[in-house]
């Protein structure tokens, strides 16, 4: 089910997907503790920034480096 959701999110219009990704940080402020981290990390967990940068190899390399540093 998570794979289907991820594919559906990646298939969204890029402009709307950008707004959605940006909204997670705003929405996360309404939660606390672990729930806040879960909401804040939705874009990370579903590789949504990578989906937005699909046509930009430089940005993809930056995102890969950030993931490597984080993991």
Protein backbone atom coordinates (compact mmCIF):
# COMPACT_ATOMS: atom_id res chain seq x y z
CA UNK A 1 0.00 0.00 0.00
CA UNK A 2 2.88 2.39 0.77
CA UNK A 3 4.38 1.78 -2.68
CA UNK A 4 1.06 2.65 -4.33
CA UNK A 5 0.77 5.81 -2.25
CA UNK A 6 4.33 6.79 -3.12
CA UNK A 7 3.70 6.29 -6.83
CA UNK A 8 0.52 8.35 -6.65
CA UNK A 9 2.32 11.16 -4.85
CA UNK A 10 5.14 11.18 -7.42
CA UNK A 11 2.57 11.31 -10.24
CA UNK A 12 1.07 14.58 -8.96
CA UNK A 13 1.54 17.78 -10.92
CA UNK A 14 5.00 19.13 -10.00
CA UNK A 15 3.63 22.49 -8.84
CA UNK A 16 1.11 20.86 -6.55
CA UNK A 17 3.69 18.36 -5.31
CA UNK A 18 6.03 21.26 -4.41
CA UNK A 19 3.23 22.90 -2.40
CA UNK A 20 2.45 19.60 -0.68
CA UNK A 21 6.09 18.96 0.25
CA UNK A 22 6.42 22.48 1.63
CA UNK A 23 3.19 22.05 3.60
CA UNK A 24 4.50 19.09 5.60
CA UNK A 25 6.83 21.36 7.61
CA UNK A 26 3.93 23.71 8.36
CA UNK A 27 1.55 20.90 9.28
CA UNK A 28 4.18 19.19 11.46
CA UNK A 29 4.11 22.16 13.82
CA UNK A 30 0.59 21.13 14.82
CA UNK A 31 1.96 17.87 16.27
CA UNK A 32 4.49 17.04 18.93
CA UNK A 33 7.06 14.38 19.59
CA UNK A 34 7.20 11.36 17.32
CA UNK A 35 4.10 12.36 15.36
CA UNK A 36 5.77 15.66 14.46
CA UNK A 37 8.83 13.85 13.13
CA UNK A 38 6.68 11.43 11.13
CA UNK A 39 4.84 14.29 9.40
CA UNK A 40 8.04 16.26 8.85
CA UNK A 41 9.69 13.21 7.23
CA UNK A 42 6.90 12.21 4.83
CA UNK A 43 8.59 13.88 1.85
CA UNK A 44 11.91 12.28 2.79
CA UNK A 45 10.40 8.82 3.23
CA UNK A 46 8.63 8.91 -0.12
CA UNK A 47 11.57 10.50 -2.02
CA UNK A 48 9.35 13.40 -3.04
CA UNK A 49 12.19 15.92 -3.35
CA UNK A 50 13.85 13.48 -5.74
CA UNK A 51 10.64 13.24 -7.74
CA UNK A 52 10.61 17.02 -8.02
CA UNK A 53 14.26 17.05 -9.13
CA UNK A 54 13.94 14.23 -11.66
CA UNK A 55 15.09 16.47 -14.54
CA UNK A 56 17.91 18.13 -12.61
CA UNK A 57 20.98 15.88 -12.21
CA UNK A 58 22.80 18.45 -10.07
CA UNK A 59 19.91 18.68 -7.59
CA UNK A 60 19.59 14.88 -7.57
CA UNK A 61 23.28 14.59 -6.67
CA UNK A 62 22.79 17.12 -3.86
CA UNK A 63 19.81 15.18 -2.52
CA UNK A 64 21.76 11.93 -2.68
CA UNK A 65 24.61 13.50 -0.70
CA UNK A 66 22.13 14.78 1.89
CA UNK A 67 20.61 11.30 2.20
CA UNK A 68 24.05 9.72 2.58
CA UNK A 69 24.92 12.19 5.33
CA UNK A 70 21.62 11.63 7.09
CA UNK A 71 21.66 7.84 6.95
